[in-house]
N, C-alpha and C. Protein backbone atom coordinates (compact mmCIF):
# COMPACT_ATOMS: atom_id res chain seq x y z
N UNK A 1 137.08 257.01 -15.52
CA UNK A 1 137.47 255.96 -16.63
C UNK A 1 137.22 256.39 -17.99
N UNK A 2 138.40 256.26 -18.80
CA UNK A 2 138.47 256.84 -20.20
C UNK A 2 137.35 256.33 -21.13
N UNK A 3 137.04 257.14 -22.16
CA UNK A 3 136.19 256.74 -23.22
C UNK A 3 136.94 255.36 -24.01
N UNK A 4 136.01 254.65 -24.44
CA UNK A 4 136.44 253.50 -25.48
C UNK A 4 136.87 253.92 -26.85
N UNK A 5 137.78 253.36 -27.42
CA UNK A 5 137.88 253.56 -28.65
C UNK A 5 137.07 252.82 -29.60
N UNK A 6 136.95 253.30 -30.89
CA UNK A 6 136.05 252.59 -31.81
C UNK A 6 137.25 252.08 -32.77
N UNK A 7 137.20 250.99 -32.91
CA UNK A 7 138.10 250.28 -34.02
C UNK A 7 137.69 250.87 -35.62
N UNK A 8 138.44 251.76 -36.06
CA UNK A 8 138.38 252.49 -37.30
C UNK A 8 137.99 251.81 -38.33
N UNK A 9 138.83 250.54 -38.43
CA UNK A 9 138.74 249.56 -39.66
C UNK A 9 137.18 248.89 -39.59
N UNK A 10 136.85 248.51 -38.60
CA UNK A 10 135.36 247.83 -38.28
C UNK A 10 134.52 249.03 -38.61
N UNK A 11 134.65 250.36 -38.24
CA UNK A 11 133.43 251.25 -38.48
C UNK A 11 133.35 251.54 -39.93
N UNK A 12 134.54 251.53 -40.57
CA UNK A 12 134.21 251.63 -41.97
C UNK A 12 133.62 250.43 -42.92
N UNK A 13 133.58 249.25 -42.18
CA UNK A 13 132.94 248.14 -42.92
C UNK A 13 131.85 247.55 -42.46
N UNK A 14 131.38 248.01 -41.13
CA UNK A 14 129.98 247.64 -40.49
C UNK A 14 129.17 248.63 -40.32
N UNK A 15 127.71 248.46 -40.25
CA UNK A 15 126.88 249.61 -40.06
C UNK A 15 126.05 248.92 -39.05
N UNK A 16 125.22 249.63 -38.39
CA UNK A 16 123.88 249.10 -37.31
C UNK A 16 122.77 249.23 -38.04
N UNK A 17 122.06 248.27 -38.04
CA UNK A 17 120.77 248.54 -38.70
C UNK A 17 119.60 249.04 -37.39
N UNK A 18 118.44 249.44 -37.91
CA UNK A 18 117.61 249.72 -36.93
C UNK A 18 117.18 248.85 -36.22
N UNK A 19 117.23 247.57 -36.35
CA UNK A 19 116.79 246.54 -35.67
C UNK A 19 118.20 246.23 -34.40
N UNK A 20 118.93 246.67 -34.59
CA UNK A 20 120.07 246.58 -33.70
C UNK A 20 121.19 245.51 -34.37
N UNK A 21 121.07 244.87 -35.63
CA UNK A 21 122.10 244.01 -36.15
C UNK A 21 122.92 244.75 -36.69
N UNK A 22 123.92 244.06 -37.61
CA UNK A 22 125.19 244.64 -38.02
C UNK A 22 124.95 244.11 -39.70
N UNK A 23 125.12 245.24 -40.74
CA UNK A 23 125.05 244.91 -41.81
C UNK A 23 126.58 245.01 -42.52
N UNK A 24 126.93 244.42 -43.56
CA UNK A 24 128.43 244.18 -44.14
C UNK A 24 127.96 244.07 -45.64
N UNK A 25 129.02 244.56 -46.25
CA UNK A 25 129.25 244.34 -47.68
C UNK A 25 129.96 242.94 -48.07
N UNK A 26 129.49 242.53 -49.22
CA UNK A 26 129.88 241.15 -49.90
C UNK A 26 131.41 241.33 -50.18
N UNK A 27 132.07 240.37 -50.10
CA UNK A 27 133.47 240.05 -50.46
C UNK A 27 133.28 239.58 -52.19
N UNK A 28 134.57 239.56 -52.59
CA UNK A 28 134.84 239.06 -53.85
C UNK A 28 134.36 239.86 -55.15
N UNK A 29 134.47 241.45 -54.80
CA UNK A 29 134.25 242.22 -55.93
C UNK A 29 135.30 242.91 -56.24
N UNK A 30 136.24 242.71 -55.85
CA UNK A 30 137.62 243.56 -56.12
C UNK A 30 138.24 243.63 -57.41
N UNK A 31 138.62 242.37 -57.73
CA UNK A 31 139.26 241.94 -58.67
C UNK A 31 139.05 240.47 -59.39
N UNK A 32 139.85 240.25 -60.53
CA UNK A 32 139.32 239.04 -61.08
C UNK A 32 137.75 238.80 -61.36
N UNK A 33 137.33 239.71 -61.90
CA UNK A 33 135.79 240.18 -62.29
C UNK A 33 135.37 239.46 -63.68
N UNK A 34 136.38 239.04 -64.43
CA UNK A 34 135.74 238.55 -66.07
C UNK A 34 135.31 237.33 -65.84
N UNK A 35 135.66 236.51 -64.84
CA UNK A 35 135.23 235.08 -65.05
C UNK A 35 133.97 235.02 -64.20
N UNK A 36 133.57 235.77 -63.27
CA UNK A 36 132.57 236.29 -62.16
C UNK A 36 131.08 236.18 -63.21
N UNK A 37 130.09 235.57 -63.13
CA UNK A 37 128.81 235.77 -63.89
C UNK A 37 128.35 237.27 -63.43
N UNK A 38 127.21 237.59 -64.27
CA UNK A 38 126.79 238.84 -64.09
C UNK A 38 125.73 238.60 -62.96
N UNK A 39 125.02 237.57 -63.02
CA UNK A 39 124.31 237.14 -61.65
C UNK A 39 124.89 237.09 -60.19
N UNK A 40 126.25 236.44 -60.33
CA UNK A 40 126.74 236.42 -59.29
C UNK A 40 127.39 237.78 -58.88
N UNK A 41 127.72 238.78 -59.60
CA UNK A 41 128.05 240.13 -59.44
C UNK A 41 126.92 240.90 -58.95
N UNK A 42 125.73 240.67 -59.48
CA UNK A 42 124.58 241.24 -58.94
C UNK A 42 124.14 241.06 -57.69
N UNK A 43 124.24 239.61 -57.44
CA UNK A 43 124.00 239.20 -55.99
C UNK A 43 124.97 239.55 -54.89
N UNK A 44 126.24 239.95 -55.27
CA UNK A 44 127.17 240.21 -54.26
C UNK A 44 126.84 241.62 -54.14
N UNK A 45 126.44 242.57 -54.80
CA UNK A 45 126.14 243.89 -54.74
C UNK A 45 125.36 244.20 -53.32
N UNK A 46 124.21 243.33 -53.13
CA UNK A 46 123.43 243.60 -51.85
C UNK A 46 124.08 243.43 -50.66
N UNK A 47 124.02 244.16 -49.64
CA UNK A 47 124.68 243.87 -48.14
C UNK A 47 123.88 242.66 -47.53
N UNK A 48 124.81 242.25 -46.77
CA UNK A 48 124.39 241.08 -45.82
C UNK A 48 124.52 241.40 -44.51
N UNK A 49 123.88 240.50 -43.73
CA UNK A 49 124.01 240.71 -42.24
C UNK A 49 125.11 240.01 -41.60
N UNK A 50 125.82 240.59 -40.62
CA UNK A 50 126.63 239.65 -39.88
C UNK A 50 126.14 238.56 -39.28
N UNK A 51 126.88 237.37 -39.22
CA UNK A 51 126.15 236.29 -38.63
C UNK A 51 126.09 236.41 -37.12
N UNK A 52 125.21 235.60 -36.51
CA UNK A 52 125.19 235.85 -35.19
C UNK A 52 126.23 235.71 -34.20
N UNK A 53 126.94 234.64 -34.68
CA UNK A 53 128.18 234.24 -33.65
C UNK A 53 129.22 235.28 -33.89
N UNK A 54 129.17 236.21 -34.83
CA UNK A 54 130.16 237.19 -35.14
C UNK A 54 129.63 238.55 -34.22
N UNK A 55 128.31 238.68 -34.36
CA UNK A 55 127.70 240.00 -34.01
C UNK A 55 128.36 240.45 -32.73
N UNK A 56 128.80 239.64 -31.50
CA UNK A 56 129.23 240.17 -30.22
C UNK A 56 130.66 240.83 -30.65
N UNK A 57 131.44 240.20 -31.53
CA UNK A 57 132.72 240.81 -31.69
C UNK A 57 132.70 242.03 -32.32
N UNK A 58 131.70 242.03 -33.26
CA UNK A 58 131.48 243.32 -34.04
C UNK A 58 131.06 244.71 -33.28
N UNK A 59 130.18 244.23 -32.48
CA UNK A 59 129.69 245.02 -31.12
C UNK A 59 130.56 245.81 -30.26
N UNK A 60 131.47 244.78 -30.01
CA UNK A 60 132.68 245.32 -29.03
C UNK A 60 133.59 246.10 -29.86
N UNK A 61 134.11 245.77 -31.10
CA UNK A 61 134.67 247.22 -31.72
C UNK A 61 133.93 248.00 -32.08
N UNK A 62 132.75 248.34 -31.98
CA UNK A 62 132.06 249.56 -32.30
C UNK A 62 131.11 249.67 -31.11
N UNK A 63 131.72 250.25 -30.25
CA UNK A 63 131.01 250.45 -28.92
C UNK A 63 129.99 251.56 -28.68
N UNK A 64 129.99 252.60 -29.89
CA UNK A 64 129.10 253.83 -29.79
C UNK A 64 128.20 253.97 -30.92
N UNK A 65 127.99 252.74 -31.80
CA UNK A 65 127.51 252.88 -32.81
C UNK A 65 125.93 252.24 -32.66
């Protein structure tokens, strides 16, 4: 049986944590930044965890992570 391919788009967006969950970057940081408050931008900087309902989909896209 051939090896499974990693979804390269997902590999650039998600990383597995030591506990086995997936972390992701926050959205809304690319453009139209002037109207967003400094506090909002600061909170968007920190990574978040993928929701439990979406974790199996991400795990399927990243079989070797």
